[in-house]
C-alpha atoms as a PDB file:
ATOM      1  CA  MET A   1      41.639 -37.682  15.016  1.00  0.00           C
ATOM      2  CA  ARG A   2      40.355 -36.892  18.501  1.00  0.00           C
ATOM      3  CA  LEU A   3      42.755 -33.942  18.754  1.00  0.00           C
ATOM      4  CA  GLN A   4      41.478 -32.665  15.422  1.00  0.00           C
ATOM      5  CA  ASN A   5      37.852 -32.917  16.605  1.00  0.00           C
ATOM      6  CA  ASP A   6      38.721 -31.087  19.849  1.00  0.00           C
ATOM      7  CA  LEU A   7      40.367 -28.313  17.838  1.00  0.00           C
ATOM      8  CA  ILE A   8      37.299 -28.003  15.592  1.00  0.00           C
ATOM      9  CA  ASN A   9      34.986 -27.814  18.619  1.00  0.00           C
ATOM     10  CA  TYR A  10      37.243 -25.182  20.222  1.00  0.00           C
ATOM     11  CA  ILE A  11      37.149 -23.048  17.074  1.00  0.00           C
ATOM     12  CA  ARG A  12      33.364 -23.391  16.855  1.00  0.00           C
ATOM     13  CA  ALA A  13      33.059 -22.239  20.476  1.00  0.00           C
ATOM     14  CA  MET A  14      35.455 -19.309  20.035  1.00  0.00           C
ATOM     15  CA  TRP A  15      32.570 -16.834  19.798  1.00  0.00           C
ATOM     16  CA  MET A  16      31.486 -17.865  23.318  1.00  0.00           C
ATOM     17  CA  TYR A  17      34.965 -17.164  24.723  1.00  0.00           C
ATOM     18  CA  LEU A  18      34.968 -13.791  22.971  1.00  0.00           C
ATOM     19  CA  GLY A  19      31.596 -13.140  24.636  1.00  0.00           C
ATOM     20  CA  LEU A  20      33.118 -13.881  28.049  1.00  0.00           C
ATOM     21  CA  LEU A  21      35.955 -11.431  27.335  1.00  0.00           C
ATOM     22  CA  ALA A  22      33.347  -8.818  26.449  1.00  0.00           C
ATOM     23  CA  ALA A  23      31.593  -9.545  29.767  1.00  0.00           C
ATOM     24  CA  LEU A  24      34.855  -9.043  31.697  1.00  0.00           C
ATOM     25  CA  PHE A  25      35.456  -5.600  30.194  1.00  0.00           C
ATOM     26  CA  LEU A  26      31.776  -4.670  30.621  1.00  0.00           C
ATOM     27  CA  GLY A  27      31.956  -5.509  34.328  1.00  0.00           C
ATOM     28  CA  LEU A  28      34.987  -3.252  34.803  1.00  0.00           C
ATOM     29  CA  HIS A  29      33.292  -0.613  32.645  1.00  0.00           C
ATOM     30  CA  ASN A  30      30.224  -0.589  34.931  1.00  0.00           C
ATOM     31  CA  LEU A  31      32.364  -0.068  38.043  1.00  0.00           C
ATOM     32  CA  CYS A  32      34.163   2.891  36.474  1.00  0.00           C
ATOM     33  CA  LYS A  33      30.851   4.286  35.190  1.00  0.00           C
ATOM     34  CA  LYS A  34      29.354   4.310  38.702  1.00  0.00           C
ATOM     35  CA  HIS A  35      32.437   6.211  39.950  1.00  0.00           C
ATOM     36  CA  ALA A  36      32.218   8.689  37.047  1.00  0.00           C
ATOM     37  CA  VAL A  37      28.545   9.657  37.584  1.00  0.00           C
ATOM     38  CA  GLN A  38      28.453   9.831  41.402  1.00  0.00           C
ATOM     39  CA  GLY A  39      27.560  13.417  42.315  1.00  0.00           C
ATOM     40  CA  ASN A  40      28.364  14.532  38.764  1.00  0.00           C
ATOM     41  CA  GLU A  41      26.573  15.971  35.745  1.00  0.00           C
ATOM     42  CA  VAL A  42      25.406  12.976  33.697  1.00  0.00           C
ATOM     43  CA  PHE A  43      25.359  14.293  30.115  1.00  0.00           C
ATOM     44  CA  PRO A  44      28.929  15.688  30.014  1.00  0.00           C
ATOM     45  CA  VAL A  45      30.155  12.456  31.652  1.00  0.00           C
ATOM     46  CA  LEU A  46      28.458  10.491  28.880  1.00  0.00           C
ATOM     47  CA  LEU A  47      29.958  12.757  26.212  1.00  0.00           C
ATOM     48  CA  GLY A  48      33.388  12.372  27.828  1.00  0.00           C
ATOM     49  CA  THR A  49      33.197   8.574  27.911  1.00  0.00           C
ATOM     50  CA  VAL A  50      32.069   8.277  24.285  1.00  0.00           C
ATOM     51  CA  SER A  51      34.694  10.807  23.179  1.00  0.00           C
ATOM     52  CA  SER A  52      37.518   8.995  24.987  1.00  0.00           C
ATOM     53  CA  GLY A  53      36.408   5.722  23.398  1.00  0.00           C
ATOM     54  CA  PHE A  54      36.291   7.413  19.995  1.00  0.00           C
ATOM     55  CA  LEU A  55      39.830   8.804  20.396  1.00  0.00           C
ATOM     56  CA  PHE A  56      41.007   5.301  21.314  1.00  0.00           C
ATOM     57  CA  VAL A  57      39.532   3.833  18.102  1.00  0.00           C
ATOM     58  CA  ALA A  58      40.547   6.895  16.043  1.00  0.00           C
ATOM     59  CA  THR A  59      44.185   6.195  16.892  1.00  0.00           C
ATOM     60  CA  PHE A  60      43.955   2.929  14.980  1.00  0.00           C
ATOM     61  CA  TYR A  61      41.996   4.670  12.211  1.00  0.00           C
ATOM     62  CA  LEU A  62      44.859   7.144  11.671  1.00  0.00           C
ATOM     63  CA  LEU A  63      47.402   4.333  11.721  1.00  0.00           C
ATOM     64  CA  SER A  64      45.408   2.530   9.018  1.00  0.00           C
ATOM     65  CA  ILE A  65      45.564   5.675   6.839  1.00  0.00           C
ATOM     66  CA  PHE A  66      49.311   6.288   7.199  1.00  0.00           C
ATOM     67  CA  TYR A  67      50.350   2.611   7.399  1.00  0.00           C
ATOM     68  CA  PRO A  68      47.663   0.690   5.443  1.00  0.00           C
ATOM     69  CA  ASP A  69      49.773  -2.420   4.834  1.00  0.00           C
ATOM     70  CA  TYR A  70      50.710  -2.710   8.513  1.00  0.00           C
ATOM     71  CA  ALA A  71      47.060  -2.229   9.516  1.00  0.00           C
ATOM     72  CA  LEU A  72      45.903  -4.925   7.094  1.00  0.00           C
ATOM     73  CA  VAL A  73      48.458  -7.451   8.381  1.00  0.00           C
ATOM     74  CA  ASN A  74      47.534  -6.761  12.016  1.00  0.00           C
ATOM     75  CA  GLY A  75      43.777  -6.907  11.459  1.00  0.00           C
ATOM     76  CA  TYR A  76      42.591  -3.362  12.121  1.00  0.00           C
ATOM     77  CA  ASN A  77      41.950  -2.128   8.602  1.00  0.00           C
ATOM     78  CA  PHE A  78      38.873   0.110   8.175  1.00  0.00           C
ATOM     79  CA  GLN A  79      36.329  -0.419   5.394  1.00  0.00           C
ATOM     80  CA  ASN A  80      35.030   2.127   2.883  1.00  0.00           C
ATOM     81  CA  ILE A  81      31.246   2.091   3.283  1.00  0.00           C
ATOM     82  CA  SER A  82      28.293   3.518   1.333  1.00  0.00           C
ATOM     83  CA  TRP A  83      26.038   6.372   2.446  1.00  0.00           C
ATOM     84  CA  GLN A  84      23.255   3.866   3.000  1.00  0.00           C
ATOM     85  CA  THR A  85      25.464   1.938   5.440  1.00  0.00           C
ATOM     86  CA  HIS A  86      26.282   5.206   7.198  1.00  0.00           C
ATOM     87  CA  GLY A  87      22.526   5.674   7.634  1.00  0.00           C
ATOM     88  CA  PHE A  88      22.192   2.246   9.235  1.00  0.00           C
ATOM     89  CA  ILE A  89      25.037   3.022  11.643  1.00  0.00           C
ATOM     90  CA  PHE A  90      23.443   6.385  12.516  1.00  0.00           C
ATOM     91  CA  ILE A  91      20.255   4.538  13.533  1.00  0.00           C
ATOM     92  CA  LYS A  92      22.312   2.426  15.942  1.00  0.00           C
ATOM     93  CA  SER A  93      23.894   5.589  17.356  1.00  0.00           C
ATOM     94  CA  ALA A  94      20.454   7.124  17.969  1.00  0.00           C
ATOM     95  CA  ILE A  95      19.223   3.970  19.727  1.00  0.00           C
ATOM     96  CA  MET A  96      22.277   3.682  21.964  1.00  0.00           C
ATOM     97  CA  ALA A  97      22.446   7.416  22.732  1.00  0.00           C
ATOM     98  CA  SER A  98      18.870   7.191  24.036  1.00  0.00           C
ATOM     99  CA  SER A  99      19.697   4.047  26.025  1.00  0.00           C
ATOM    100  CA  TRP A 100      22.819   5.595  27.581  1.00  0.00           C
ATOM    101  CA  VAL A 101      21.065   8.841  28.549  1.00  0.00           C
ATOM    102  CA  LEU A 102      18.426   6.834  30.446  1.00  0.00           C
ATOM    103  CA  ALA A 103      20.974   4.395  31.929  1.00  0.00           C
ATOM    104  CA  TYR A 104      23.380   7.080  33.152  1.00  0.00           C
ATOM    105  CA  GLN A 105      20.563   9.039  34.810  1.00  0.00           C
ATOM    106  CA  ALA A 106      19.335   5.872  36.551  1.00  0.00           C
ATOM    107  CA  LEU A 107      22.860   4.887  37.628  1.00  0.00           C
ATOM    108  CA  LYS A 108      23.330   8.299  39.211  1.00  0.00           C
ATOM    109  CA  HIS A 109      20.228   7.856  41.422  1.00  0.00           C
ATOM    110  CA  LEU A 110      20.175   4.087  42.081  1.00  0.00           C
ATOM    111  CA  PRO A 111      22.639   1.592  43.656  1.00  0.00           C
ATOM    112  CA  ILE A 112      24.812  -0.300  41.163  1.00  0.00           C
ATOM    113  CA  THR A 113      23.637  -3.552  42.778  1.00  0.00           C
ATOM    114  CA  ILE A 114      20.091  -2.675  41.664  1.00  0.00           C
ATOM    115  CA  VAL A 115      20.824  -1.151  38.255  1.00  0.00           C
ATOM    116  CA  THR A 116      23.065  -3.936  36.944  1.00  0.00           C
ATOM    117  CA  PRO A 117      20.701  -6.825  37.767  1.00  0.00           C
ATOM    118  CA  ILE A 118      17.763  -5.011  36.116  1.00  0.00           C
ATOM    119  CA  ARG A 119      19.880  -4.572  33.020  1.00  0.00           C
ATOM    120  CA  SER A 120      20.495  -8.297  33.201  1.00  0.00           C
ATOM    121  CA  ALA A 121      16.894  -8.665  32.009  1.00  0.00           C
ATOM    122  CA  GLY A 122      18.201  -7.595  28.598  1.00  0.00           C
ATOM    123  CA  PRO A 123      18.375 -11.237  27.434  1.00  0.00           C
ATOM    124  CA  PHE A 124      14.562 -11.366  27.792  1.00  0.00           C
ATOM    125  CA  PHE A 125      14.081  -8.830  24.986  1.00  0.00           C
ATOM    126  CA  THR A 126      16.993 -10.223  22.985  1.00  0.00           C
ATOM    127  CA  PHE A 127      15.687 -13.773  23.421  1.00  0.00           C
ATOM    128  CA  ILE A 128      12.274 -12.874  22.006  1.00  0.00           C
ATOM    129  CA  GLY A 129      13.768 -10.820  19.183  1.00  0.00           C
ATOM    130  CA  ALA A 130      16.201 -13.606  18.256  1.00  0.00           C
ATOM    131  CA  ILE A 131      13.313 -16.075  17.957  1.00  0.00           C
ATOM    132  CA  VAL A 132      10.994 -13.751  16.002  1.00  0.00           C
ATOM    133  CA  ILE A 133      13.536 -11.970  13.771  1.00  0.00           C
ATOM    134  CA  TYR A 134      16.416 -14.428  13.339  1.00  0.00           C
ATOM    135  CA  LYS A 135      14.444 -17.670  13.919  1.00  0.00           C
ATOM    136  CA  GLU A 136      16.902 -18.893  16.566  1.00  0.00           C
ATOM    137  CA  SER A 137      15.490 -21.981  18.289  1.00  0.00           C
ATOM    138  CA  PRO A 138      16.119 -22.397  22.055  1.00  0.00           C
ATOM    139  CA  ASN A 139      16.057 -25.834  23.650  1.00  0.00           C
ATOM    140  CA  MET A 140      14.615 -26.832  27.019  1.00  0.00           C
ATOM    141  CA  HIS A 141      17.753 -25.937  29.023  1.00  0.00           C
ATOM    142  CA  GLN A 142      17.863 -22.503  27.391  1.00  0.00           C
ATOM    143  CA  TRP A 143      14.222 -21.841  28.277  1.00  0.00           C
ATOM    144  CA  ILE A 144      14.815 -22.869  31.903  1.00  0.00           C
ATOM    145  CA  GLY A 145      17.916 -20.668  32.119  1.00  0.00           C
ATOM    146  CA  PHE A 146      16.077 -17.769  30.536  1.00  0.00           C
ATOM    147  CA  PHE A 147      13.159 -17.847  32.997  1.00  0.00           C
ATOM    148  CA  LEU A 148      15.529 -18.357  35.931  1.00  0.00           C
ATOM    149  CA  ILE A 149      17.287 -15.105  34.989  1.00  0.00           C
ATOM    150  CA  ILE A 150      13.976 -13.220  34.801  1.00  0.00           C
ATOM    151  CA  PHE A 151      12.785 -14.671  38.140  1.00  0.00           C
ATOM    152  CA  SER A 152      16.071 -13.660  39.788  1.00  0.00           C
ATOM    153  CA  VAL A 153      15.665 -10.087  38.553  1.00  0.00           C
ATOM    154  CA  ILE A 154      12.209 -10.001  40.172  1.00  0.00           C
ATOM    155  CA  LEU A 155      13.852 -11.037  43.470  1.00  0.00           C
ATOM    156  CA  TYR A 156      16.188  -8.065  43.140  1.00  0.00           C
ATOM    157  CA  SER A 157      13.166  -5.751  42.952  1.00  0.00           C
ATOM    158  CA  ARG A 158      12.002  -7.002  46.366  1.00  0.00           C
ATOM    159  CA  ILE A 159      15.456  -6.445  47.850  1.00  0.00           C
ATOM    160  CA  GLY A 160      15.436  -2.962  46.340  1.00  0.00           C
ATOM    161  CA  LYS A 161      12.383  -2.043  48.424  1.00  0.00           C
ATOM    162  CA  LYS A 162      14.488  -2.597  51.565  1.00  0.00           C
ATOM    163  CA  GLU A 163      16.721   0.239  50.340  1.00  0.00           C
ATOM    164  CA  GLY A 164      13.757   2.616  49.993  1.00  0.00           C
ATOM    165  CA  ILE A 165      13.381   1.985  46.270  1.00  0.00           C
ATOM    166  CA  ASN A 166       9.769   1.504  45.153  1.00  0.00           C
ATOM    167  CA  PHE A 167       9.888  -0.222  41.787  1.00  0.00           C
ATOM    168  CA  LYS A 168       6.401   0.985  40.861  1.00  0.00           C
ATOM    169  CA  ARG A 169       6.837   4.676  41.696  1.00  0.00           C
ATOM    170  CA  ASN A 170      10.535   5.384  41.227  1.00  0.00           C
ATOM    171  CA  LYS A 171      11.017   7.058  37.820  1.00  0.00           C
ATOM    172  CA  TRP A 172      14.643   5.946  37.659  1.00  0.00           C
ATOM    173  CA  ILE A 173      13.495   2.317  37.668  1.00  0.00           C
ATOM    174  CA  PHE A 174      11.435   3.032  34.544  1.00  0.00           C
ATOM    175  CA  ALA A 175      14.450   4.816  33.074  1.00  0.00           C
ATOM    176  CA  ILE A 176      16.696   1.768  33.509  1.00  0.00           C
ATOM    177  CA  ILE A 177      13.989  -0.546  32.136  1.00  0.00           C
ATOM    178  CA  GLY A 178      13.705   1.691  29.052  1.00  0.00           C
ATOM    179  CA  ALA A 179      17.490   1.713  28.709  1.00  0.00           C
ATOM    180  CA  THR A 180      17.505  -2.083  28.931  1.00  0.00           C
ATOM    181  CA  PHE A 181      14.892  -2.440  26.176  1.00  0.00           C
ATOM    182  CA  LEU A 182      16.757  -0.045  23.860  1.00  0.00           C
ATOM    183  CA  GLY A 183      20.060  -1.779  24.605  1.00  0.00           C
ATOM    184  CA  ALA A 184      18.567  -5.166  23.719  1.00  0.00           C
ATOM    185  CA  SER A 185      17.155  -3.707  20.486  1.00  0.00           C
ATOM    186  CA  SER A 186      20.622  -2.429  19.621  1.00  0.00           C
ATOM    187  CA  GLY A 187      22.037  -5.894  20.297  1.00  0.00           C
ATOM    188  CA  LEU A 188      19.635  -7.444  17.787  1.00  0.00           C
ATOM    189  CA  TYR A 189      20.485  -4.677  15.313  1.00  0.00           C
ATOM    190  CA  ASP A 190      24.206  -5.410  15.758  1.00  0.00           C
ATOM    191  CA  LYS A 191      23.755  -8.867  14.253  1.00  0.00           C
ATOM    192  CA  PHE A 192      22.210  -7.267  11.153  1.00  0.00           C
ATOM    193  CA  LEU A 193      25.067  -4.747  10.862  1.00  0.00           C
ATOM    194  CA  ILE A 194      27.840  -7.301  11.356  1.00  0.00           C
ATOM    195  CA  GLN A 195      26.472 -10.281   9.431  1.00  0.00           C
ATOM    196  CA  ASN A 196      24.112  -8.796   6.794  1.00  0.00           C
ATOM    197  CA  LEU A 197      26.158  -5.673   5.995  1.00  0.00           C
ATOM    198  CA  SER A 198      29.507  -7.445   6.607  1.00  0.00           C
ATOM    199  CA  LEU A 199      30.923  -4.600   8.708  1.00  0.00           C
ATOM    200  CA  ASN A 200      34.105  -5.354  10.637  1.00  0.00           C
ATOM    201  CA  PRO A 201      34.187  -4.347  14.340  1.00  0.00           C
ATOM    202  CA  GLN A 202      36.577  -1.404  14.060  1.00  0.00           C
ATOM    203  CA  THR A 203      34.679   0.231  11.189  1.00  0.00           C
ATOM    204  CA  LEU A 204      31.386  -0.027  13.070  1.00  0.00           C
ATOM    205  CA  GLN A 205      32.953   1.254  16.299  1.00  0.00           C
ATOM    206  CA  PHE A 206      34.572   4.280  14.633  1.00  0.00           C
ATOM    207  CA  TRP A 207      31.479   5.616  12.852  1.00  0.00           C
ATOM    208  CA  PHE A 208      29.128   4.638  15.661  1.00  0.00           C
ATOM    209  CA  CYS A 209      31.150   6.669  18.183  1.00  0.00           C
ATOM    210  CA  LEU A 210      31.418   9.651  15.833  1.00  0.00           C
ATOM    211  CA  TYR A 211      27.668   9.825  15.200  1.00  0.00           C
ATOM    212  CA  THR A 212      26.893   9.298  18.896  1.00  0.00           C
ATOM    213  CA  ILE A 213      29.139  12.247  19.791  1.00  0.00           C
ATOM    214  CA  LEU A 214      27.270  14.456  17.296  1.00  0.00           C
ATOM    215  CA  ILE A 215      23.911  13.415  18.794  1.00  0.00           C
ATOM    216  CA  LEU A 216      25.139  14.084  22.332  1.00  0.00           C
ATOM    217  CA  LEU A 217      26.489  17.508  21.330  1.00  0.00           C
ATOM    218  CA  VAL A 218      22.992  18.461  20.150  1.00  0.00           C
ATOM    219  CA  ILE A 219      21.499  17.269  23.478  1.00  0.00           C
ATOM    220  CA  LEU A 220      24.125  19.118  25.539  1.00  0.00           C
ATOM    221  CA  SER A 221      23.682  22.314  23.533  1.00  0.00           C
ATOM    222  CA  ILE A 222      20.126  22.398  24.918  1.00  0.00           C
ATOM    223  CA  THR A 223      20.488  20.869  28.388  1.00  0.00           C
ATOM    224  CA  TRP A 224      24.012  21.744  29.582  1.00  0.00           C
ATOM    225  CA  PHE A 225      26.157  24.213  27.613  1.00  0.00           C
ATOM    226  CA  PRO A 226      23.851  27.254  28.125  1.00  0.00           C
ATOM    227  CA  PHE A 227      23.818  26.864  31.929  1.00  0.00           C
ATOM    228  CA  ALA A 228      26.897  28.146  33.794  1.00  0.00           C
ATOM    229  CA  GLU A 229      25.918  26.480  37.094  1.00  0.00           C
ATOM    230  CA  LYS A 230      25.741  23.055  35.465  1.00  0.00           C
ATOM    231  CA  ARG A 231      29.075  23.569  33.718  1.00  0.00           C
ATOM    232  CA  LYS A 232      30.725  24.459  37.039  1.00  0.00           C
ATOM    233  CA  ALA A 233      29.146  21.414  38.728  1.00  0.00           C
ATOM    234  CA  PHE A 234      30.865  19.027  36.303  1.00  0.00           C
ATOM    235  CA  LYS A 235      33.875  17.205  37.747  1.00  0.00           C
ATOM    236  CA  PHE A 236      36.361  15.540  35.457  1.00  0.00           C
ATOM    237  CA  ARG A 237      37.539  12.143  36.752  1.00  0.00           C
ATOM    238  CA  TRP A 238      39.995   9.562  35.442  1.00  0.00           C
ATOM    239  CA  SER A 239      37.143   7.022  35.374  1.00  0.00           C
ATOM    240  CA  ILE A 240      35.500   8.929  32.508  1.00  0.00           C
ATOM    241  CA  ILE A 241      38.381   7.985  30.211  1.00  0.00           C
ATOM    242  CA  ALA A 242      38.474   4.431  31.602  1.00  0.00           C
ATOM    243  CA  VAL A 243      34.760   3.941  30.852  1.00  0.00           C
ATOM    244  CA  GLY A 244      35.230   4.855  27.190  1.00  0.00           C
ATOM    245  CA  VAL A 245      38.287   2.647  26.631  1.00  0.00           C
ATOM    246  CA  LEU A 246      36.818  -0.356  28.481  1.00  0.00           C
ATOM    247  CA  LEU A 247      33.553  -0.096  26.534  1.00  0.00           C
ATOM    248  CA  GLN A 248      35.394  -0.080  23.209  1.00  0.00           C
ATOM    249  CA  ALA A 249      37.373  -3.166  24.287  1.00  0.00           C
ATOM    250  CA  ALA A 250      34.136  -4.933  25.270  1.00  0.00           C
ATOM    251  CA  ASP A 251      32.410  -3.956  22.009  1.00  0.00           C
ATOM    252  CA  TYR A 252      35.372  -5.132  19.949  1.00  0.00           C
ATOM    253  CA  PHE A 253      35.250  -8.668  21.391  1.00  0.00           C
ATOM    254  CA  TYR A 254      31.439  -8.700  21.189  1.00  0.00           C
ATOM    255  CA  PHE A 255      31.453  -7.684  17.506  1.00  0.00           C
ATOM    256  CA  LYS A 256      34.222 -10.210  16.766  1.00  0.00           C
ATOM    257  CA  ALA A 257      32.009 -12.895  18.285  1.00  0.00           C
ATOM    258  CA  LEU A 258      29.090 -11.776  16.106  1.00  0.00           C
ATOM    259  CA  GLN A 259      31.228 -12.163  12.976  1.00  0.00           C
ATOM    260  CA  ASP A 260      30.999 -15.926  13.464  1.00  0.00           C
ATOM    261  CA  PRO A 261      28.013 -17.201  11.394  1.00  0.00           C
ATOM    262  CA  ASP A 262      27.346 -19.809  14.103  1.00  0.00           C
ATOM    263  CA  ALA A 263      27.039 -17.184  16.853  1.00  0.00           C
ATOM    264  CA  LEU A 264      23.579 -16.989  18.458  1.00  0.00           C
ATOM    265  CA  ILE A 265      22.671 -13.493  19.606  1.00  0.00           C
ATOM    266  CA  MET A 266      20.412 -14.885  22.361  1.00  0.00           C
ATOM    267  CA  LEU A 267      23.306 -16.816  23.909  1.00  0.00           C
ATOM    268  CA  LEU A 268      25.795 -13.963  23.506  1.00  0.00           C
ATOM    269  CA  SER A 269      23.370 -11.657  25.277  1.00  0.00           C
ATOM    270  CA  ALA A 270      23.107 -14.100  28.181  1.00  0.00           C
ATOM    271  CA  ILE A 271      26.880 -14.692  28.339  1.00  0.00           C
ATOM    272  CA  LYS A 272      27.432 -10.943  28.671  1.00  0.00           C
ATOM    273  CA  ARG A 273      25.295 -11.003  31.833  1.00  0.00           C
ATOM    274  CA  SER A 274      28.143 -12.731  33.673  1.00  0.00           C
ATOM    275  CA  GLN A 275      29.508  -9.190  34.136  1.00  0.00           C
ATOM    276  CA  ILE A 276      27.121  -9.085  37.124  1.00  0.00           C
ATOM    277  CA  ILE A 277      29.662 -10.943  39.272  1.00  0.00           C
ATOM    278  CA  ILE A 278      32.030  -7.978  39.081  1.00  0.00           C
ATOM    279  CA  ALA A 279      29.290  -5.369  39.526  1.00  0.00           C
ATOM    280  CA  VAL A 280      27.530  -6.976  42.504  1.00  0.00           C
ATOM    281  CA  VAL A 281      30.439  -8.534  44.392  1.00  0.00           C
ATOM    282  CA  VAL A 282      33.280  -6.075  43.734  1.00  0.00           C
ATOM    283  CA  GLY A 283      31.029  -3.043  43.206  1.00  0.00           C
ATOM    284  CA  GLY A 284      29.062  -3.727  46.381  1.00  0.00           C
ATOM    285  CA  LEU A 285      32.313  -3.738  48.388  1.00  0.00           C
ATOM    286  CA  ILE A 286      33.821  -0.644  46.766  1.00  0.00           C
ATOM    287  CA  PHE A 287      30.696   1.516  47.023  1.00  0.00           C
ATOM    288  CA  LYS A 288      29.615  -0.008  50.373  1.00  0.00           C
ATOM    289  CA  GLU A 289      26.041  -0.641  49.278  1.00  0.00           C
ATOM    290  CA  LYS A 290      23.413  -2.336  51.433  1.00  0.00           C
ATOM    291  CA  ASN A 291      22.105  -5.915  51.545  1.00  0.00           C
ATOM    292  CA  LYS A 292      25.065  -7.396  49.664  1.00  0.00           C
ATOM    293  CA  ARG A 293      24.526 -10.869  51.141  1.00  0.00           C
ATOM    294  CA  MET A 294      20.838 -10.912  50.234  1.00  0.00           C
ATOM    295  CA  LYS A 295      21.710  -9.904  46.676  1.00  0.00           C
ATOM    296  CA  LEU A 296      23.953 -12.965  46.363  1.00  0.00           C
ATOM    297  CA  VAL A 297      20.851 -15.211  46.289  1.00  0.00           C
ATOM    298  CA  PRO A 298      19.291 -13.825  43.074  1.00  0.00           C
ATOM    299  CA  LEU A 299      22.832 -13.346  41.747  1.00  0.00           C
ATOM    300  CA  LEU A 300      23.321 -17.097  42.075  1.00  0.00           C
ATOM    301  CA  GLY A 301      20.034 -17.615  40.237  1.00  0.00           C
ATOM    302  CA  ILE A 302      21.196 -15.451  37.346  1.00  0.00           C
ATOM    303  CA  MET A 303      24.531 -17.262  37.138  1.00  0.00           C
ATOM    304  CA  ILE A 304      22.829 -20.664  37.132  1.00  0.00           C
ATOM    305  CA  GLY A 305      20.561 -19.401  34.346  1.00  0.00           C
ATOM    306  CA  VAL A 306      23.571 -18.257  32.318  1.00  0.00           C
ATOM    307  CA  PHE A 307      25.271 -21.623  32.976  1.00  0.00           C
ATOM    308  CA  LEU A 308      22.215 -23.551  31.719  1.00  0.00           C
ATOM    309  CA  ILE A 309      22.195 -21.519  28.514  1.00  0.00           C
ATOM    310  CA  LEU A 310      25.927 -22.129  27.990  1.00  0.00           C
ATOM    311  CA  TYR A 311      25.648 -25.805  28.971  1.00  0.00           C
ATOM    312  CA  SER A 312      22.863 -26.395  26.477  1.00  0.00           C
END
C-alpha cells in the first residue's frame, strides 16, 4: 500500500521533474547563446538559432508524415489544427520574437551573470498572472520564496554597478526587463495553448518556430539584408545550432509538464530559474566575468527561494 502511495505521489510530481529537465537544457542554452552573440550581429544569430531548432523539430514532422504509425507509437505525432488555432500560435510567435530581439541585444552588451539573474525575475510576472488569470493560490512558503527571489535580483543590480552598469540609465537593462515581461506573458499564454486548446508539445513547437522565422525574416529584410557591411560582420558559429536544439529540448519538457492538469505555472516558472546555477557558476568561469564570488550571495538567495516554492 505504501509503495502504491509513493508511486502515485511520484507520478503527481512528474511535472516538477520535467520542469527541472527544462531548466537544465535552458542553462546550457544560455551559455551557448552568450557565445553565439559575442561580437556578432544579433538578428541573424537569432534567425539561425530559431531555424536550427525548427529543422530539428521538422525532422520529426517529416517522419510522422512518412511513418505515421511509428510516430504515433513513439509519441511524436503531430495534430491537425484549425485556422483559429494557427492564429493563437502566431500570437505566441509575435510575443516571443519581440522578447528574443530585446534579450539577444541585451545579452550582447551585458555580462551573462547580470542578464540571467534579471531574467530570473520572470516568476514575479508569472506569479501575478497565475493568481489573477488562473486563480492559482500560493501558500506562505511560496510567498516567502517569491519575495526572496525578487530581493536577490535587486542585490544583483547593486553588484552590476561595480561593473560600470547603471541600472537606471543603461538602455540594455530596460531591454532585458522588457524581454523578461514578454517572456513571462508567453509562459502564461503557454498554459492556455496546452491545456485549453489541447495542443501537444511537438505541434506547438513546429508551428511556433515556423511563424517566428517568418516574423524574423520581415525584421531582417529591413534591418540586416539590405546592408552589405552588416552581412559581412556576421560570423557563423557552432553555438548557433546548439542554441536552437537545446531550446527545443527545453521547450519540449516544459510543454510536457504543462500537459499535466495539476501543473502550476507559477511553480514551473520558478523551477526553471534553477538554470541560474549553470549560467552564473559555469558561465562566469568560461567568460571570465567579474565579481563572481559576490554574485554567489544573491544566487544563494534565489536558490533558497526556488527551494521554498518547491518545498511548499
